[in-house]
Amino acid sequence: MSWAIYAMRGPGGVRRLEDIPDGYEPPSLGTADDVVGVVREVVPGVDASKRSWLLLRSDEYDVEMTIGKGVEVRDITFYLNDGPR
């Protein structure tokens, strides 16, 4: 089984998806280089050879992150992949 988790900065005070205003555009999380830098601080071994698709893998976990292909990152999708562990 796998899970996809979409993360963005939402408008203040919103607690449910249906309360996000139509047309809302999340603020920038920084450039792709900024985001990769922050991920590297937490997980130094992240595979960032493809900037838009980061890979975090070990015997304990398998996580992929997409940050898009633009200069500014506005959202991140985490794919948590389950396997034999």
C-alpha atoms as a PDB file:
ATOM      1  CA  MET A   1       0.000   0.000   0.000  1.00  0.00           C
ATOM      2  CA  SER A   2       1.150   3.539  -0.719  1.00  0.00           C
ATOM      3  CA  TRP A   3      -0.029   6.936   0.436  1.00  0.00           C
ATOM      4  CA  ALA A   4       0.114  10.326  -1.237  1.00  0.00           C
ATOM      5  CA  ILE A   5       0.214  13.382   1.008  1.00  0.00           C
ATOM      6  CA  TYR A   6      -0.186  16.839  -0.492  1.00  0.00           C
ATOM      7  CA  ALA A   7       1.292  19.703   1.531  1.00  0.00           C
ATOM      8  CA  MET A   8       0.968  23.456   1.053  1.00  0.00           C
ATOM      9  CA  ARG A   9       0.601  26.580   3.136  1.00  0.00           C
ATOM     10  CA  GLY A  10      -3.086  27.247   3.392  1.00  0.00           C
ATOM     11  CA  PRO A  11      -4.890  30.483   4.126  1.00  0.00           C
ATOM     12  CA  GLY A  12      -5.009  31.392   7.814  1.00  0.00           C
ATOM     13  CA  GLY A  13      -7.838  29.929   9.842  1.00  0.00           C
ATOM     14  CA  VAL A  14      -8.827  27.260   7.318  1.00  0.00           C
ATOM     15  CA  ARG A  15      -9.337  23.866   8.940  1.00  0.00           C
ATOM     16  CA  ARG A  16     -11.043  21.916   6.142  1.00  0.00           C
ATOM     17  CA  LEU A  17     -10.248  21.542   2.442  1.00  0.00           C
ATOM     18  CA  GLU A  18     -13.702  22.737   1.433  1.00  0.00           C
ATOM     19  CA  ASP A  19     -13.019  26.052   3.219  1.00  0.00           C
ATOM     20  CA  ILE A  20     -10.101  26.951   0.940  1.00  0.00           C
ATOM     21  CA  PRO A  21     -11.304  29.750  -1.348  1.00  0.00           C
ATOM     22  CA  ASP A  22     -11.670  28.980  -5.052  1.00  0.00           C
ATOM     23  CA  GLY A  23      -8.627  30.190  -6.935  1.00  0.00           C
ATOM     24  CA  TYR A  24      -6.408  30.205  -3.842  1.00  0.00           C
ATOM     25  CA  GLU A  25      -2.723  30.061  -4.761  1.00  0.00           C
ATOM     26  CA  PRO A  26      -0.414  28.995  -1.922  1.00  0.00           C
ATOM     27  CA  PRO A  27       2.547  31.249  -1.150  1.00  0.00           C
ATOM     28  CA  SER A  28       6.025  30.222  -2.194  1.00  0.00           C
ATOM     29  CA  LEU A  29       7.969  27.825   0.031  1.00  0.00           C
ATOM     30  CA  GLY A  30      11.152  29.098  -1.628  1.00  0.00           C
ATOM     31  CA  THR A  31      13.075  28.156  -4.721  1.00  0.00           C
ATOM     32  CA  ALA A  32      13.679  24.529  -5.631  1.00  0.00           C
ATOM     33  CA  ASP A  33      17.273  24.960  -4.390  1.00  0.00           C
ATOM     34  CA  ASP A  34      15.979  26.347  -1.044  1.00  0.00           C
ATOM     35  CA  VAL A  35      13.604  23.407  -0.578  1.00  0.00           C
ATOM     36  CA  VAL A  36      16.253  20.828  -1.500  1.00  0.00           C
ATOM     37  CA  GLY A  37      18.637  22.533   0.957  1.00  0.00           C
ATOM     38  CA  VAL A  38      16.136  22.244   3.803  1.00  0.00           C
ATOM     39  CA  VAL A  39      15.465  18.586   2.978  1.00  0.00           C
ATOM     40  CA  ARG A  40      19.236  17.934   2.946  1.00  0.00           C
ATOM     41  CA  GLU A  41      19.532  19.446   6.440  1.00  0.00           C
ATOM     42  CA  VAL A  42      17.026  16.866   7.700  1.00  0.00           C
ATOM     43  CA  VAL A  43      18.029  13.937   5.448  1.00  0.00           C
ATOM     44  CA  PRO A  44      21.604  14.467   4.184  1.00  0.00           C
ATOM     45  CA  GLY A  45      21.457  11.358   1.972  1.00  0.00           C
ATOM     46  CA  VAL A  46      18.482  12.493  -0.118  1.00  0.00           C
ATOM     47  CA  ASP A  47      18.863  11.724  -3.820  1.00  0.00           C
ATOM     48  CA  ALA A  48      18.251  15.071  -5.522  1.00  0.00           C
ATOM     49  CA  SER A  49      19.789  14.151  -8.866  1.00  0.00           C
ATOM     50  CA  LYS A  50      16.424  15.013 -10.440  1.00  0.00           C
ATOM     51  CA  ARG A  51      15.477  18.333  -8.796  1.00  0.00           C
ATOM     52  CA  SER A  52      11.737  17.930  -9.195  1.00  0.00           C
ATOM     53  CA  TRP A  53      11.622  14.382  -7.770  1.00  0.00           C
ATOM     54  CA  LEU A  54      13.515  13.760  -4.509  1.00  0.00           C
ATOM     55  CA  LEU A  55      14.115  10.224  -3.247  1.00  0.00           C
ATOM     56  CA  LEU A  56      14.495   9.264   0.418  1.00  0.00           C
ATOM     57  CA  ARG A  57      15.220   5.568   0.679  1.00  0.00           C
ATOM     58  CA  SER A  58      16.619   3.168   3.239  1.00  0.00           C
ATOM     59  CA  ASP A  59      15.819  -0.267   4.629  1.00  0.00           C
ATOM     60  CA  GLU A  60      13.358   1.492   6.951  1.00  0.00           C
ATOM     61  CA  TYR A  61      11.498   3.813   4.568  1.00  0.00           C
ATOM     62  CA  ASP A  62      10.800   4.709   0.960  1.00  0.00           C
ATOM     63  CA  VAL A  63       9.592   8.271   0.426  1.00  0.00           C
ATOM     64  CA  GLU A  64       9.451  10.231  -2.798  1.00  0.00           C
ATOM     65  CA  MET A  65       8.804  13.977  -2.923  1.00  0.00           C
ATOM     66  CA  THR A  66       7.724  16.036  -5.901  1.00  0.00           C
ATOM     67  CA  ILE A  67       8.343  19.763  -5.737  1.00  0.00           C
ATOM     68  CA  GLY A  68       7.430  20.665  -9.309  1.00  0.00           C
ATOM     69  CA  LYS A  69       9.556  21.948 -12.152  1.00  0.00           C
ATOM     70  CA  GLY A  70       9.143  25.681 -11.607  1.00  0.00           C
ATOM     71  CA  VAL A  71      11.622  28.036  -9.983  1.00  0.00           C
ATOM     72  CA  GLU A  72       9.332  28.692  -7.003  1.00  0.00           C
ATOM     73  CA  VAL A  73       7.937  25.762  -5.012  1.00  0.00           C
ATOM     74  CA  ARG A  74       4.351  26.266  -3.818  1.00  0.00           C
ATOM     75  CA  ASP A  75       3.479  22.730  -2.741  1.00  0.00           C
ATOM     76  CA  ILE A  76       5.045  19.347  -2.096  1.00  0.00           C
ATOM     77  CA  THR A  77       3.578  15.912  -2.644  1.00  0.00           C
ATOM     78  CA  PHE A  78       4.986  13.095  -0.532  1.00  0.00           C
ATOM     79  CA  TYR A  79       4.596   9.513  -1.724  1.00  0.00           C
ATOM     80  CA  LEU A  80       5.020   7.046   1.133  1.00  0.00           C
ATOM     81  CA  ASN A  81       5.649   3.653  -0.399  1.00  0.00           C
ATOM     82  CA  ASP A  82       5.124   0.488   1.548  1.00  0.00           C
ATOM     83  CA  GLY A  83       6.942  -2.691   0.744  1.00  0.00           C
ATOM     84  CA  PRO A  84       8.101  -5.709   2.688  1.00  0.00           C
ATOM     85  CA  ARG A  85       8.933  -3.614   5.774  1.00  0.00           C
END
